[in-house]
């Protein structure tokens, strides 16, 4: 996975904040169950979680492949030519479906 240094630093910082928040919640619970501390520490943990989610969404590298009408039309014309030459259309279309699934990794 190719991630930049800034993204790795943000992810590590969020993990450290998570661990510190858990420790802070335990310590504030032992120290007298002060709701202000618990809410503040919980808000910090929730903020770190939101930041981690946003960073992961924004930096996602997998993109949806674009559909090409020109290539689809060329494939359809080739299928028509092969069917006219005597190839069974159902078997040919099944071969195309299998090829698409193979290309998509399904």
C-alpha atoms as a PDB file:
ATOM      1  CA  UNK A   1       0.000   0.000   0.000  1.00  0.00           C
ATOM      2  CA  UNK A   2       1.473   3.304  -1.070  1.00  0.00           C
ATOM      3  CA  UNK A   3       0.649   5.912   1.575  1.00  0.00           C
ATOM      4  CA  UNK A   4       2.321   9.218   2.133  1.00  0.00           C
ATOM      5  CA  UNK A   5       4.091  10.149   5.334  1.00  0.00           C
ATOM      6  CA  UNK A   6       1.373  12.631   6.323  1.00  0.00           C
ATOM      7  CA  UNK A   7      -1.357   9.985   6.078  1.00  0.00           C
ATOM      8  CA  UNK A   8       0.671   7.532   8.162  1.00  0.00           C
ATOM      9  CA  UNK A   9       1.315  10.210  10.795  1.00  0.00           C
ATOM     10  CA  UNK A  10      -2.408  11.031  10.990  1.00  0.00           C
ATOM     11  CA  UNK A  11      -3.318   7.349  11.374  1.00  0.00           C
ATOM     12  CA  UNK A  12      -0.679   6.790  14.059  1.00  0.00           C
ATOM     13  CA  UNK A  13      -1.797   9.945  15.897  1.00  0.00           C
ATOM     14  CA  UNK A  14      -5.404   8.728  15.843  1.00  0.00           C
ATOM     15  CA  UNK A  15      -4.333   5.339  17.226  1.00  0.00           C
ATOM     16  CA  UNK A  16      -2.373   7.038  20.024  1.00  0.00           C
ATOM     17  CA  UNK A  17      -5.385   9.224  20.827  1.00  0.00           C
ATOM     18  CA  UNK A  18      -7.605   6.119  20.976  1.00  0.00           C
ATOM     19  CA  UNK A  19      -5.266   4.424  23.462  1.00  0.00           C
ATOM     20  CA  UNK A  20      -4.962   7.583  25.554  1.00  0.00           C
ATOM     21  CA  UNK A  21      -8.738   8.012  25.557  1.00  0.00           C
ATOM     22  CA  UNK A  22      -9.249   4.495  26.863  1.00  0.00           C
ATOM     23  CA  UNK A  23      -6.681   5.100  29.590  1.00  0.00           C
ATOM     24  CA  UNK A  24      -8.267   8.477  30.362  1.00  0.00           C
ATOM     25  CA  UNK A  25     -11.728   6.960  30.647  1.00  0.00           C
ATOM     26  CA  UNK A  26     -10.439   4.295  33.040  1.00  0.00           C
ATOM     27  CA  UNK A  27      -8.526   6.814  35.148  1.00  0.00           C
ATOM     28  CA  UNK A  28     -11.428   9.291  35.293  1.00  0.00           C
ATOM     29  CA  UNK A  29     -13.758   6.460  36.248  1.00  0.00           C
ATOM     30  CA  UNK A  30     -11.486   5.386  39.106  1.00  0.00           C
ATOM     31  CA  UNK A  31     -10.892   8.972  40.229  1.00  0.00           C
ATOM     32  CA  UNK A  32     -14.521   9.644  40.992  1.00  0.00           C
ATOM     33  CA  UNK A  33     -16.619   9.352  37.848  1.00  0.00           C
ATOM     34  CA  UNK A  34     -16.534  13.029  36.931  1.00  0.00           C
ATOM     35  CA  UNK A  35     -18.921  13.428  33.982  1.00  0.00           C
ATOM     36  CA  UNK A  36     -17.095  16.452  32.582  1.00  0.00           C
ATOM     37  CA  UNK A  37     -13.852  14.531  32.199  1.00  0.00           C
ATOM     38  CA  UNK A  38     -15.605  11.504  30.749  1.00  0.00           C
ATOM     39  CA  UNK A  39     -17.468  13.605  28.171  1.00  0.00           C
ATOM     40  CA  UNK A  40     -14.325  15.536  27.219  1.00  0.00           C
ATOM     41  CA  UNK A  41     -12.261  12.382  26.781  1.00  0.00           C
ATOM     42  CA  UNK A  42     -15.071  10.692  24.867  1.00  0.00           C
ATOM     43  CA  UNK A  43     -15.389  13.698  22.546  1.00  0.00           C
ATOM     44  CA  UNK A  44     -11.644  13.526  21.826  1.00  0.00           C
ATOM     45  CA  UNK A  45     -11.929   9.838  20.963  1.00  0.00           C
ATOM     46  CA  UNK A  46     -14.952  10.450  18.737  1.00  0.00           C
ATOM     47  CA  UNK A  47     -13.127  13.303  16.979  1.00  0.00           C
ATOM     48  CA  UNK A  48     -10.138  11.054  16.310  1.00  0.00           C
ATOM     49  CA  UNK A  49     -12.471   8.391  14.887  1.00  0.00           C
ATOM     50  CA  UNK A  50     -14.149  10.910  12.560  1.00  0.00           C
ATOM     51  CA  UNK A  51     -10.764  12.223  11.415  1.00  0.00           C
ATOM     52  CA  UNK A  52      -9.560   8.680  10.716  1.00  0.00           C
ATOM     53  CA  UNK A  53     -12.693   7.884   8.695  1.00  0.00           C
ATOM     54  CA  UNK A  54     -12.435  11.091   6.657  1.00  0.00           C
ATOM     55  CA  UNK A  55      -8.731  10.564   5.931  1.00  0.00           C
ATOM     56  CA  UNK A  56      -9.410   6.988   4.814  1.00  0.00           C
ATOM     57  CA  UNK A  57     -12.251   8.076   2.519  1.00  0.00           C
ATOM     58  CA  UNK A  58     -10.389  10.988   0.973  1.00  0.00           C
ATOM     59  CA  UNK A  59      -7.174   9.074   0.321  1.00  0.00           C
ATOM     60  CA  UNK A  60      -8.751   5.918  -1.114  1.00  0.00           C
ATOM     61  CA  UNK A  61      -6.878   4.999  -4.295  1.00  0.00           C
ATOM     62  CA  UNK A  62      -9.263   2.441  -5.774  1.00  0.00           C
ATOM     63  CA  UNK A  63     -11.402   4.127  -8.399  1.00  0.00           C
ATOM     64  CA  UNK A  64     -14.491   2.938 -10.234  1.00  0.00           C
ATOM     65  CA  UNK A  65     -13.552   2.002 -13.805  1.00  0.00           C
ATOM     66  CA  UNK A  66     -15.112   4.199 -16.462  1.00  0.00           C
ATOM     67  CA  UNK A  67     -17.429   2.759 -19.086  1.00  0.00           C
ATOM     68  CA  UNK A  68     -16.420   3.241 -22.723  1.00  0.00           C
ATOM     69  CA  UNK A  69     -19.291   3.276 -25.221  1.00  0.00           C
ATOM     70  CA  UNK A  70     -16.849   3.028 -28.124  1.00  0.00           C
ATOM     71  CA  UNK A  71     -15.202  -0.134 -26.772  1.00  0.00           C
ATOM     72  CA  UNK A  72     -18.592  -1.664 -25.920  1.00  0.00           C
ATOM     73  CA  UNK A  73     -19.826  -1.012 -29.453  1.00  0.00           C
ATOM     74  CA  UNK A  74     -16.642  -2.518 -30.939  1.00  0.00           C
ATOM     75  CA  UNK A  75     -17.086  -5.656 -28.811  1.00  0.00           C
ATOM     76  CA  UNK A  76     -20.744  -5.909 -29.826  1.00  0.00           C
ATOM     77  CA  UNK A  77     -19.803  -5.606 -33.506  1.00  0.00           C
ATOM     78  CA  UNK A  78     -17.164  -8.335 -33.090  1.00  0.00           C
ATOM     79  CA  UNK A  79     -19.762 -10.595 -31.452  1.00  0.00           C
ATOM     80  CA  UNK A  80     -22.125  -9.950 -34.360  1.00  0.00           C
ATOM     81  CA  UNK A  81     -19.370 -10.868 -36.835  1.00  0.00           C
ATOM     82  CA  UNK A  82     -18.545 -14.089 -34.979  1.00  0.00           C
ATOM     83  CA  UNK A  83     -22.230 -15.078 -34.773  1.00  0.00           C
ATOM     84  CA  UNK A  84     -22.566 -14.428 -38.519  1.00  0.00           C
ATOM     85  CA  UNK A  85     -19.542 -16.710 -39.025  1.00  0.00           C
ATOM     86  CA  UNK A  86     -21.361 -19.542 -37.245  1.00  0.00           C
ATOM     87  CA  UNK A  87     -20.377 -19.277 -33.558  1.00  0.00           C
ATOM     88  CA  UNK A  88     -23.157 -20.032 -31.051  1.00  0.00           C
ATOM     89  CA  UNK A  89     -24.287 -16.637 -29.662  1.00  0.00           C
ATOM     90  CA  UNK A  90     -25.204 -17.937 -26.200  1.00  0.00           C
ATOM     91  CA  UNK A  91     -21.821 -19.572 -25.697  1.00  0.00           C
ATOM     92  CA  UNK A  92     -20.050 -16.471 -26.991  1.00  0.00           C
ATOM     93  CA  UNK A  93     -21.957 -14.155 -24.629  1.00  0.00           C
ATOM     94  CA  UNK A  94     -21.220 -16.503 -21.719  1.00  0.00           C
ATOM     95  CA  UNK A  95     -17.520 -16.316 -22.655  1.00  0.00           C
ATOM     96  CA  UNK A  96     -17.718 -12.504 -22.620  1.00  0.00           C
ATOM     97  CA  UNK A  97     -19.459 -12.557 -19.191  1.00  0.00           C
ATOM     98  CA  UNK A  98     -16.779 -14.867 -17.805  1.00  0.00           C
ATOM     99  CA  UNK A  99     -14.052 -12.612 -19.202  1.00  0.00           C
ATOM    100  CA  UNK A 100     -15.610  -9.556 -17.548  1.00  0.00           C
ATOM    101  CA  UNK A 101     -15.838 -11.354 -14.208  1.00  0.00           C
ATOM    102  CA  UNK A 102     -12.230 -12.482 -14.521  1.00  0.00           C
ATOM    103  CA  UNK A 103     -11.153  -8.903 -15.237  1.00  0.00           C
ATOM    104  CA  UNK A 104     -13.088  -7.615 -12.219  1.00  0.00           C
ATOM    105  CA  UNK A 105     -11.610 -10.256  -9.958  1.00  0.00           C
ATOM    106  CA  UNK A 106     -14.944 -11.893  -9.157  1.00  0.00           C
END
